[in-house]
Amino acid sequence: GEITIIASGNNPLQYSIGNGFQMSNSFSNLSTDNYTISILDNNDCSFDTTVFVPEINPVNAYFTANPQSGAKPLSVDLNNQSTNANSYVWLIDGDLLSNNYNESYLFNSSGTYIISLIAYNNQPECADTFSLQIIVFDSLMIQIPNIFTPNSDGVNDAFSITIEGV
């Protein structure tokens, strides 16, 4: 952690967190603990206060998607593997999907989609985001009639093969 002191008084001010005074108002590389801060002005007047440096667990957003590609309709399971988070926002191409821990989604249209997970721990401004690309392609469909009756009755008069997704 880091402590930066902002103080006013008769300059020059000196600062300490228990081990001698210094002119710099910043202390860095501090572990989680309570620190007594002392401020000394040029008249030897001092002020003391205690500050707690908390442990910060950085949030790491991460998930897996199974499968990441396939033919439509494609059902994708999203398995949240984030760490140090307790709140989640799932997005598909920037649109809100849900706030669930895990999610599943059925893609009915072909295309390339970006799935994003925003994870945070009580403070949305300290969030992490992870994204994966999902590719959904058209399924191949061939329809070949098994009956052909060209008798002009309007039913099965023409022999035609229908192909989709090629």
C-alpha atoms as a PDB file:
ATOM      1  CA  GLY A   1       0.000   0.000   0.000  1.00  0.00           C
ATOM      2  CA  GLU A   2       0.873   3.639  -0.090  1.00  0.00           C
ATOM      3  CA  ILE A   3       0.145   6.634   2.135  1.00  0.00           C
ATOM      4  CA  THR A   4       0.397  10.197   0.830  1.00  0.00           C
ATOM      5  CA  ILE A   5      -0.049  12.935   3.427  1.00  0.00           C
ATOM      6  CA  ILE A   6      -1.590  16.277   2.546  1.00  0.00           C
ATOM      7  CA  ALA A   7      -1.146  18.760   5.382  1.00  0.00           C
ATOM      8  CA  SER A   8      -1.042  22.501   5.931  1.00  0.00           C
ATOM      9  CA  GLY A   9       0.982  24.371   8.513  1.00  0.00           C
ATOM     10  CA  ASN A  10       4.228  26.250   8.960  1.00  0.00           C
ATOM     11  CA  ASN A  11       6.691  24.950   6.411  1.00  0.00           C
ATOM     12  CA  PRO A  12       8.872  23.043   6.146  1.00  0.00           C
ATOM     13  CA  LEU A  13       6.841  20.072   7.290  1.00  0.00           C
ATOM     14  CA  GLN A  14       8.389  16.712   8.151  1.00  0.00           C
ATOM     15  CA  TYR A  15       6.619  13.367   8.128  1.00  0.00           C
ATOM     16  CA  SER A  16       7.065  10.064   9.942  1.00  0.00           C
ATOM     17  CA  ILE A  17       5.323   6.732  10.253  1.00  0.00           C
ATOM     18  CA  GLY A  18       7.325   5.662  13.282  1.00  0.00           C
ATOM     19  CA  ASN A  19      10.916   5.463  12.130  1.00  0.00           C
ATOM     20  CA  GLY A  20      12.355   8.963  11.861  1.00  0.00           C
ATOM     21  CA  PHE A  21      11.186  12.063  10.035  1.00  0.00           C
ATOM     22  CA  GLN A  22      11.581  12.749   6.346  1.00  0.00           C
ATOM     23  CA  MET A  23      10.759  15.654   4.047  1.00  0.00           C
ATOM     24  CA  SER A  24       8.753  13.514   1.593  1.00  0.00           C
ATOM     25  CA  ASN A  25       5.023  13.209   2.297  1.00  0.00           C
ATOM     26  CA  SER A  26       4.738   9.753   0.667  1.00  0.00           C
ATOM     27  CA  PHE A  27       5.347   6.297   2.087  1.00  0.00           C
ATOM     28  CA  SER A  28       5.130   3.295  -0.237  1.00  0.00           C
ATOM     29  CA  ASN A  29       5.514  -0.495  -0.211  1.00  0.00           C
ATOM     30  CA  LEU A  30       3.520  -0.724   3.028  1.00  0.00           C
ATOM     31  CA  SER A  31       1.956  -3.988   4.127  1.00  0.00           C
ATOM     32  CA  THR A  32      -1.546  -4.233   5.576  1.00  0.00           C
ATOM     33  CA  ASP A  33      -1.397  -2.727   9.090  1.00  0.00           C
ATOM     34  CA  ASN A  34      -2.171   0.288  11.287  1.00  0.00           C
ATOM     35  CA  TYR A  35       0.349   3.118  10.948  1.00  0.00           C
ATOM     36  CA  THR A  36       0.827   6.097  13.251  1.00  0.00           C
ATOM     37  CA  ILE A  37       1.565   9.151  11.157  1.00  0.00           C
ATOM     38  CA  SER A  38       3.400  12.085  12.748  1.00  0.00           C
ATOM     39  CA  ILE A  39       3.674  15.520  11.146  1.00  0.00           C
ATOM     40  CA  LEU A  40       6.206  18.022  12.507  1.00  0.00           C
ATOM     41  CA  ASP A  41       6.399  21.700  11.523  1.00  0.00           C
ATOM     42  CA  ASN A  42       9.380  24.061  11.854  1.00  0.00           C
ATOM     43  CA  ASN A  43       8.162  25.204  15.337  1.00  0.00           C
ATOM     44  CA  ASP A  44       8.423  21.604  16.605  1.00  0.00           C
ATOM     45  CA  CYS A  45       4.649  21.384  16.790  1.00  0.00           C
ATOM     46  CA  SER A  46       3.471  17.883  15.968  1.00  0.00           C
ATOM     47  CA  PHE A  47       0.262  16.185  15.032  1.00  0.00           C
ATOM     48  CA  ASP A  48      -0.326  12.413  15.187  1.00  0.00           C
ATOM     49  CA  THR A  49      -2.998  10.224  13.689  1.00  0.00           C
ATOM     50  CA  THR A  50      -3.450   6.541  12.906  1.00  0.00           C
ATOM     51  CA  VAL A  51      -4.197   5.220   9.443  1.00  0.00           C
ATOM     52  CA  PHE A  52      -5.092   1.664   8.428  1.00  0.00           C
ATOM     53  CA  VAL A  53      -3.729   0.331   5.138  1.00  0.00           C
ATOM     54  CA  PRO A  54      -6.186  -2.383   3.996  1.00  0.00           C
ATOM     55  CA  GLU A  55      -5.343  -5.481   2.051  1.00  0.00           C
ATOM     56  CA  ILE A  56      -6.611  -5.141  -1.486  1.00  0.00           C
ATOM     57  CA  ASN A  57      -7.395  -8.275  -3.414  1.00  0.00           C
ATOM     58  CA  PRO A  58      -7.365  -7.339  -7.057  1.00  0.00           C
ATOM     59  CA  VAL A  59     -10.352  -8.674  -8.966  1.00  0.00           C
ATOM     60  CA  ASN A  60      -9.567 -10.951 -11.876  1.00  0.00           C
ATOM     61  CA  ALA A  61     -12.438 -11.547 -14.315  1.00  0.00           C
ATOM     62  CA  TYR A  62     -12.228 -14.808 -16.253  1.00  0.00           C
ATOM     63  CA  PHE A  63     -14.598 -17.386 -17.751  1.00  0.00           C
ATOM     64  CA  THR A  64     -14.653 -20.278 -20.174  1.00  0.00           C
ATOM     65  CA  ALA A  65     -17.189 -20.802 -22.953  1.00  0.00           C
ATOM     66  CA  ASN A  66     -18.190 -24.256 -24.130  1.00  0.00           C
ATOM     67  CA  PRO A  67     -18.313 -24.489 -27.101  1.00  0.00           C
ATOM     68  CA  GLN A  68     -16.709 -21.359 -28.586  1.00  0.00           C
ATOM     69  CA  SER A  69     -18.026 -22.060 -32.077  1.00  0.00           C
ATOM     70  CA  GLY A  70     -20.608 -24.183 -33.837  1.00  0.00           C
ATOM     71  CA  ALA A  71     -23.664 -24.292 -36.052  1.00  0.00           C
ATOM     72  CA  LYS A  72     -26.869 -22.467 -35.189  1.00  0.00           C
ATOM     73  CA  PRO A  73     -28.770 -22.911 -33.008  1.00  0.00           C
ATOM     74  CA  LEU A  74     -25.745 -22.982 -30.696  1.00  0.00           C
ATOM     75  CA  SER A  75     -26.122 -23.352 -26.932  1.00  0.00           C
ATOM     76  CA  VAL A  76     -23.073 -22.001 -25.064  1.00  0.00           C
ATOM     77  CA  ASP A  77     -22.343 -22.557 -21.363  1.00  0.00           C
ATOM     78  CA  LEU A  78     -20.402 -19.708 -19.727  1.00  0.00           C
ATOM     79  CA  ASN A  79     -18.444 -20.891 -16.677  1.00  0.00           C
ATOM     80  CA  ASN A  80     -17.347 -18.023 -14.409  1.00  0.00           C
ATOM     81  CA  GLN A  81     -13.852 -18.515 -12.963  1.00  0.00           C
ATOM     82  CA  SER A  82     -13.286 -14.983 -11.639  1.00  0.00           C
ATOM     83  CA  THR A  83     -11.360 -14.428  -8.413  1.00  0.00           C
ATOM     84  CA  ASN A  84     -11.869 -11.887  -5.609  1.00  0.00           C
ATOM     85  CA  ALA A  85     -15.240 -10.774  -7.003  1.00  0.00           C
ATOM     86  CA  ASN A  86     -18.801 -10.929  -5.680  1.00  0.00           C
ATOM     87  CA  SER A  87     -20.746  -9.097  -8.414  1.00  0.00           C
ATOM     88  CA  TYR A  88     -20.960  -9.919 -12.114  1.00  0.00           C
ATOM     89  CA  VAL A  89     -22.334  -8.388 -15.319  1.00  0.00           C
ATOM     90  CA  TRP A  90     -22.561 -10.492 -18.500  1.00  0.00           C
ATOM     91  CA  LEU A  91     -22.722  -8.704 -21.872  1.00  0.00           C
ATOM     92  CA  ILE A  92     -23.233  -9.892 -25.447  1.00  0.00           C
ATOM     93  CA  ASP A  93     -21.888  -7.372 -27.948  1.00  0.00           C
ATOM     94  CA  GLY A  94     -22.238  -4.694 -25.267  1.00  0.00           C
ATOM     95  CA  ASP A  95     -25.853  -5.517 -24.384  1.00  0.00           C
ATOM     96  CA  LEU A  96     -26.759  -6.709 -20.886  1.00  0.00           C
ATOM     97  CA  LEU A  97     -27.381 -10.434 -20.590  1.00  0.00           C
ATOM     98  CA  SER A  98     -27.576 -10.962 -16.811  1.00  0.00           C
ATOM     99  CA  ASN A  99     -25.992 -10.511 -13.383  1.00  0.00           C
ATOM    100  CA  ASN A 100     -25.747 -14.238 -12.654  1.00  0.00           C
ATOM    101  CA  TYR A 101     -22.603 -16.061 -11.550  1.00  0.00           C
ATOM    102  CA  ASN A 102     -22.714 -18.539 -14.461  1.00  0.00           C
ATOM    103  CA  GLU A 103     -24.733 -18.179 -17.630  1.00  0.00           C
ATOM    104  CA  SER A 104     -25.957 -20.099 -20.676  1.00  0.00           C
ATOM    105  CA  TYR A 105     -27.061 -18.576 -23.953  1.00  0.00           C
ATOM    106  CA  LEU A 106     -28.699 -19.920 -27.109  1.00  0.00           C
ATOM    107  CA  PHE A 107     -27.497 -18.271 -30.340  1.00  0.00           C
ATOM    108  CA  ASN A 108     -30.183 -18.604 -33.030  1.00  0.00           C
ATOM    109  CA  SER A 109     -28.465 -16.469 -35.680  1.00  0.00           C
ATOM    110  CA  SER A 110     -25.125 -16.949 -37.368  1.00  0.00           C
ATOM    111  CA  GLY A 111     -22.401 -14.376 -36.760  1.00  0.00           C
ATOM    112  CA  THR A 112     -19.477 -13.443 -34.550  1.00  0.00           C
ATOM    113  CA  TYR A 113     -20.369 -12.396 -31.025  1.00  0.00           C
ATOM    114  CA  ILE A 114     -18.296 -10.922 -28.188  1.00  0.00           C
ATOM    115  CA  ILE A 115     -19.227 -12.207 -24.727  1.00  0.00           C
ATOM    116  CA  SER A 116     -17.870 -10.069 -21.880  1.00  0.00           C
ATOM    117  CA  LEU A 117     -17.859 -10.568 -18.125  1.00  0.00           C
ATOM    118  CA  ILE A 118     -17.394  -7.583 -15.823  1.00  0.00           C
ATOM    119  CA  ALA A 119     -16.479  -8.707 -12.306  1.00  0.00           C
ATOM    120  CA  TYR A 120     -16.044  -6.552  -9.212  1.00  0.00           C
ATOM    121  CA  ASN A 121     -16.010  -6.782  -5.430  1.00  0.00           C
ATOM    122  CA  ASN A 122     -18.541  -4.280  -3.998  1.00  0.00           C
ATOM    123  CA  GLN A 123     -16.995  -1.388  -5.956  1.00  0.00           C
ATOM    124  CA  PRO A 124     -17.967  -1.251  -9.649  1.00  0.00           C
ATOM    125  CA  GLU A 125     -15.282   1.356 -10.267  1.00  0.00           C
ATOM    126  CA  CYS A 126     -12.661  -1.313  -9.393  1.00  0.00           C
ATOM    127  CA  ALA A 127     -13.870  -3.847 -11.945  1.00  0.00           C
ATOM    128  CA  ASP A 128     -12.041  -6.158 -14.296  1.00  0.00           C
ATOM    129  CA  THR A 129     -13.353  -7.289 -17.678  1.00  0.00           C
ATOM    130  CA  PHE A 130     -12.694 -10.441 -19.687  1.00  0.00           C
ATOM    131  CA  SER A 131     -14.073 -11.200 -23.174  1.00  0.00           C
ATOM    132  CA  LEU A 132     -14.254 -14.132 -25.570  1.00  0.00           C
ATOM    133  CA  GLN A 133     -15.367 -14.371 -29.189  1.00  0.00           C
ATOM    134  CA  ILE A 134     -18.110 -16.842 -30.104  1.00  0.00           C
ATOM    135  CA  ILE A 135     -18.543 -17.849 -33.763  1.00  0.00           C
ATOM    136  CA  VAL A 136     -21.926 -19.172 -34.874  1.00  0.00           C
ATOM    137  CA  PHE A 137     -22.229 -20.394 -38.429  1.00  0.00           C
ATOM    138  CA  ASP A 138     -25.169 -21.540 -40.523  1.00  0.00           C
ATOM    139  CA  SER A 139     -25.891 -25.222 -40.379  1.00  0.00           C
ATOM    140  CA  LEU A 140     -25.832 -27.170 -43.633  1.00  0.00           C
ATOM    141  CA  MET A 141     -29.289 -28.292 -44.670  1.00  0.00           C
ATOM    142  CA  ILE A 142     -30.064 -30.245 -47.806  1.00  0.00           C
ATOM    143  CA  GLN A 143     -33.630 -31.172 -48.670  1.00  0.00           C
ATOM    144  CA  ILE A 144     -34.134 -33.689 -51.476  1.00  0.00           C
ATOM    145  CA  PRO A 145     -37.702 -34.725 -52.237  1.00  0.00           C
ATOM    146  CA  ASN A 146     -38.426 -38.448 -52.198  1.00  0.00           C
ATOM    147  CA  ILE A 147     -41.551 -38.100 -54.339  1.00  0.00           C
ATOM    148  CA  PHE A 148     -41.817 -36.515 -57.811  1.00  0.00           C
ATOM    149  CA  THR A 149     -45.200 -36.497 -59.550  1.00  0.00           C
ATOM    150  CA  PRO A 150     -45.214 -34.125 -62.539  1.00  0.00           C
ATOM    151  CA  ASN A 151     -48.969 -34.421 -63.143  1.00  0.00           C
ATOM    152  CA  SER A 152     -49.844 -30.694 -62.842  1.00  0.00           C
ATOM    153  CA  ASP A 153     -51.869 -31.118 -59.648  1.00  0.00           C
ATOM    154  CA  GLY A 154     -49.718 -28.529 -57.817  1.00  0.00           C
ATOM    155  CA  VAL A 155     -48.152 -31.094 -55.457  1.00  0.00           C
ATOM    156  CA  ASN A 156     -44.602 -32.375 -56.105  1.00  0.00           C
ATOM    157  CA  ASP A 157     -44.787 -31.280 -59.751  1.00  0.00           C
ATOM    158  CA  ALA A 158     -41.190 -29.984 -59.808  1.00  0.00           C
ATOM    159  CA  PHE A 159     -38.058 -31.792 -58.706  1.00  0.00           C
ATOM    160  CA  SER A 160     -35.821 -29.346 -56.807  1.00  0.00           C
ATOM    161  CA  ILE A 161     -33.078 -29.685 -54.202  1.00  0.00           C
ATOM    162  CA  THR A 162     -33.024 -27.049 -51.436  1.00  0.00           C
ATOM    163  CA  ILE A 163     -29.632 -26.219 -49.877  1.00  0.00           C
ATOM    164  CA  GLU A 164     -28.989 -23.781 -46.970  1.00  0.00           C
ATOM    165  CA  GLY A 165     -25.791 -22.830 -45.186  1.00  0.00           C
ATOM    166  CA  VAL A 166     -23.351 -23.490 -48.028  1.00  0.00           C
END
